[in-house]
């Protein structure tokens, strides 16, 4: 596996962790704090600089699912 494969695998790991942690957090600030501990998985990717914005999108999407139910 090349370096780009490793980076992509780590990015997938990060977003899988985000999917599992989003429902455990009481607000987006807590979610961002929890996920910041895993931000090293994003090193070398385009997601590294903007992951907080993307986490907000994940948080919003998850909360919209709860509202729709």
N, C-alpha and C. Protein backbone atom coordinates (compact mmCIF):
# COMPACT_ATOMS: atom_id res chain seq x y z
N UNK A 1 0.86 -1.18 0.00
CA UNK A 1 0.00 0.00 0.00
C UNK A 1 0.89 1.23 0.00
N UNK A 2 0.60 2.14 -0.88
CA UNK A 2 1.36 3.37 -0.96
C UNK A 2 0.96 4.36 0.12
N UNK A 3 1.68 5.45 0.16
CA UNK A 3 1.40 6.48 1.16
C UNK A 3 0.00 7.05 1.02
N UNK A 4 -0.46 7.25 -0.23
CA UNK A 4 -1.80 7.81 -0.41
C UNK A 4 -2.86 6.82 0.09
N UNK A 5 -2.60 5.53 -0.04
CA UNK A 5 -3.54 4.53 0.48
C UNK A 5 -3.63 4.59 1.99
N UNK A 6 -2.49 4.80 2.65
CA UNK A 6 -2.47 4.93 4.10
C UNK A 6 -3.24 6.17 4.55
N UNK A 7 -3.02 7.27 3.85
CA UNK A 7 -3.73 8.52 4.18
C UNK A 7 -5.23 8.32 4.04
N UNK A 8 -5.66 7.71 2.94
CA UNK A 8 -7.09 7.48 2.71
C UNK A 8 -7.68 6.54 3.75
N UNK A 9 -6.93 5.51 4.14
CA UNK A 9 -7.40 4.60 5.19
C UNK A 9 -7.58 5.34 6.51
N UNK A 10 -6.63 6.22 6.83
CA UNK A 10 -6.72 6.98 8.07
C UNK A 10 -7.89 7.96 8.05
N UNK A 11 -8.14 8.57 6.90
CA UNK A 11 -9.29 9.47 6.77
C UNK A 11 -10.58 8.68 6.99
N UNK A 12 -10.67 7.50 6.41
CA UNK A 12 -11.85 6.64 6.62
C UNK A 12 -12.01 6.29 8.10
N UNK A 13 -10.90 5.99 8.77
CA UNK A 13 -10.95 5.68 10.21
C UNK A 13 -11.51 6.86 10.99
N UNK A 14 -11.02 8.07 10.66
CA UNK A 14 -11.48 9.27 11.35
C UNK A 14 -12.99 9.42 11.22
N UNK A 15 -13.51 9.31 9.98
CA UNK A 15 -14.94 9.53 9.77
C UNK A 15 -15.78 8.38 10.33
N UNK A 16 -15.23 7.19 10.41
CA UNK A 16 -15.93 6.09 11.08
C UNK A 16 -16.03 6.35 12.57
N UNK A 17 -14.96 6.87 13.16
CA UNK A 17 -15.00 7.24 14.58
C UNK A 17 -16.03 8.35 14.78
N UNK A 18 -16.04 9.33 13.89
CA UNK A 18 -17.00 10.43 13.99
C UNK A 18 -18.43 9.90 13.96
N UNK A 19 -18.70 8.98 13.06
CA UNK A 19 -20.05 8.40 12.97
C UNK A 19 -20.45 7.69 14.25
N UNK A 20 -19.49 7.06 14.91
CA UNK A 20 -19.81 6.34 16.14
C UNK A 20 -19.91 7.26 17.36
N UNK A 21 -19.19 8.37 17.35
CA UNK A 21 -19.15 9.28 18.50
C UNK A 21 -20.23 10.37 18.48
N UNK A 22 -20.76 10.69 17.31
CA UNK A 22 -21.67 11.83 17.20
C UNK A 22 -22.87 11.69 18.12
N UNK A 23 -23.42 10.52 18.26
CA UNK A 23 -24.61 10.34 19.10
C UNK A 23 -24.27 10.30 20.58
N UNK A 24 -23.00 10.19 20.93
CA UNK A 24 -22.59 10.17 22.33
C UNK A 24 -22.37 11.56 22.91
N UNK A 25 -22.36 12.58 22.07
CA UNK A 25 -22.02 13.93 22.49
C UNK A 25 -23.28 14.77 22.65
N UNK A 26 -23.26 15.65 23.66
CA UNK A 26 -24.45 16.46 23.96
C UNK A 26 -24.58 17.68 23.06
N UNK A 27 -23.45 18.16 22.49
CA UNK A 27 -23.51 19.31 21.59
C UNK A 27 -22.34 19.27 20.62
N UNK A 28 -22.38 20.14 19.64
CA UNK A 28 -21.36 20.13 18.59
C UNK A 28 -19.99 20.49 19.15
N UNK A 29 -19.93 21.30 20.17
CA UNK A 29 -18.65 21.65 20.78
C UNK A 29 -18.00 20.42 21.40
N UNK A 30 -18.76 19.63 22.12
CA UNK A 30 -18.22 18.41 22.71
C UNK A 30 -17.78 17.44 21.61
N UNK A 31 -18.60 17.33 20.57
CA UNK A 31 -18.27 16.46 19.44
C UNK A 31 -16.95 16.87 18.80
N UNK A 32 -16.77 18.16 18.58
CA UNK A 32 -15.53 18.66 17.98
C UNK A 32 -14.34 18.40 18.90
N UNK A 33 -14.52 18.57 20.19
CA UNK A 33 -13.44 18.31 21.15
C UNK A 33 -13.05 16.83 21.14
N UNK A 34 -14.05 15.96 21.16
CA UNK A 34 -13.78 14.52 21.12
C UNK A 34 -13.04 14.14 19.84
N UNK A 35 -13.50 14.67 18.72
CA UNK A 35 -12.90 14.30 17.44
C UNK A 35 -11.54 14.96 17.21
N UNK A 36 -11.26 16.07 17.87
CA UNK A 36 -9.95 16.71 17.74
C UNK A 36 -8.85 15.79 18.24
N UNK A 37 -9.19 14.92 19.18
CA UNK A 37 -8.21 13.96 19.71
C UNK A 37 -7.79 12.94 18.64
N UNK A 38 -8.58 12.81 17.59
CA UNK A 38 -8.30 11.87 16.52
C UNK A 38 -7.83 12.57 15.23
N UNK A 39 -7.60 13.87 15.31
CA UNK A 39 -7.27 14.64 14.10
C UNK A 39 -5.95 14.22 13.47
N UNK A 40 -5.10 13.53 14.22
CA UNK A 40 -3.84 13.05 13.63
C UNK A 40 -4.10 12.08 12.47
N UNK A 41 -5.27 11.44 12.47
CA UNK A 41 -5.62 10.54 11.38
C UNK A 41 -5.81 11.27 10.05
N UNK A 42 -5.98 12.58 10.11
CA UNK A 42 -6.22 13.37 8.90
C UNK A 42 -4.95 13.97 8.31
N UNK A 43 -3.82 13.75 8.96
CA UNK A 43 -2.56 14.33 8.47
C UNK A 43 -2.28 13.88 7.04
N UNK A 44 -1.95 14.83 6.20
CA UNK A 44 -1.64 14.55 4.81
C UNK A 44 -2.84 14.55 3.89
N UNK A 45 -4.02 14.81 4.45
CA UNK A 45 -5.23 14.82 3.63
C UNK A 45 -5.78 16.23 3.49
N UNK A 46 -6.69 16.39 2.54
CA UNK A 46 -7.36 17.68 2.37
C UNK A 46 -8.28 17.99 3.54
N UNK A 47 -8.72 16.96 4.26
CA UNK A 47 -9.63 17.15 5.39
C UNK A 47 -8.95 17.78 6.60
N UNK A 48 -7.63 17.75 6.65
CA UNK A 48 -6.90 18.20 7.84
C UNK A 48 -7.18 19.66 8.20
N UNK A 49 -7.37 20.51 7.22
CA UNK A 49 -7.55 21.93 7.49
C UNK A 49 -8.99 22.32 7.80
N UNK A 50 -9.96 21.55 7.34
CA UNK A 50 -11.36 21.96 7.44
C UNK A 50 -12.23 20.97 8.20
N UNK A 51 -11.64 20.08 8.97
CA UNK A 51 -12.45 19.03 9.55
C UNK A 51 -13.49 19.55 10.54
N UNK A 52 -13.25 20.70 11.18
CA UNK A 52 -14.24 21.23 12.12
C UNK A 52 -15.55 21.56 11.39
N UNK A 53 -15.44 22.13 10.20
CA UNK A 53 -16.63 22.46 9.42
C UNK A 53 -17.37 21.20 9.01
N UNK A 54 -16.62 20.19 8.63
CA UNK A 54 -17.23 18.92 8.23
C UNK A 54 -17.86 18.22 9.43
N UNK A 55 -17.24 18.35 10.61
CA UNK A 55 -17.84 17.79 11.82
C UNK A 55 -19.18 18.46 12.12
N UNK A 56 -19.24 19.77 11.89
CA UNK A 56 -20.51 20.47 12.09
C UNK A 56 -21.58 19.89 11.16
N UNK A 57 -21.20 19.60 9.92
CA UNK A 57 -22.14 19.00 8.98
C UNK A 57 -22.62 17.63 9.46
N UNK A 58 -21.70 16.83 9.98
CA UNK A 58 -22.06 15.51 10.52
C UNK A 58 -23.02 15.68 11.69
N UNK A 59 -22.72 16.62 12.58
CA UNK A 59 -23.55 16.88 13.75
C UNK A 59 -24.96 17.32 13.33
N UNK A 60 -25.02 18.24 12.39
CA UNK A 60 -26.31 18.75 11.91
C UNK A 60 -27.12 17.64 11.25
N UNK A 61 -26.47 16.84 10.42
CA UNK A 61 -27.15 15.74 9.73
C UNK A 61 -27.71 14.74 10.74
N UNK A 62 -26.94 14.41 11.76
CA UNK A 62 -27.38 13.45 12.78
C UNK A 62 -28.59 14.01 13.55
N UNK A 63 -28.53 15.27 13.89
CA UNK A 63 -29.64 15.87 14.63
C UNK A 63 -30.89 16.00 13.78
N UNK A 64 -30.72 16.23 12.49
CA UNK A 64 -31.88 16.28 11.59
C UNK A 64 -32.54 14.92 11.49
N UNK A 65 -31.77 13.84 11.59
CA UNK A 65 -32.35 12.50 11.59
C UNK A 65 -33.23 12.29 12.81
N UNK A 66 -32.79 12.79 13.97
CA UNK A 66 -33.58 12.66 15.19
C UNK A 66 -34.88 13.46 15.12
N UNK A 67 -34.81 14.62 14.51
CA UNK A 67 -35.99 15.49 14.39
C UNK A 67 -37.01 14.84 13.45
N UNK A 68 -36.52 14.20 12.40
CA UNK A 68 -37.41 13.60 11.40
C UNK A 68 -38.15 12.37 11.93
N UNK A 69 -37.60 11.75 12.95
CA UNK A 69 -38.21 10.52 13.48
C UNK A 69 -39.43 10.83 14.31
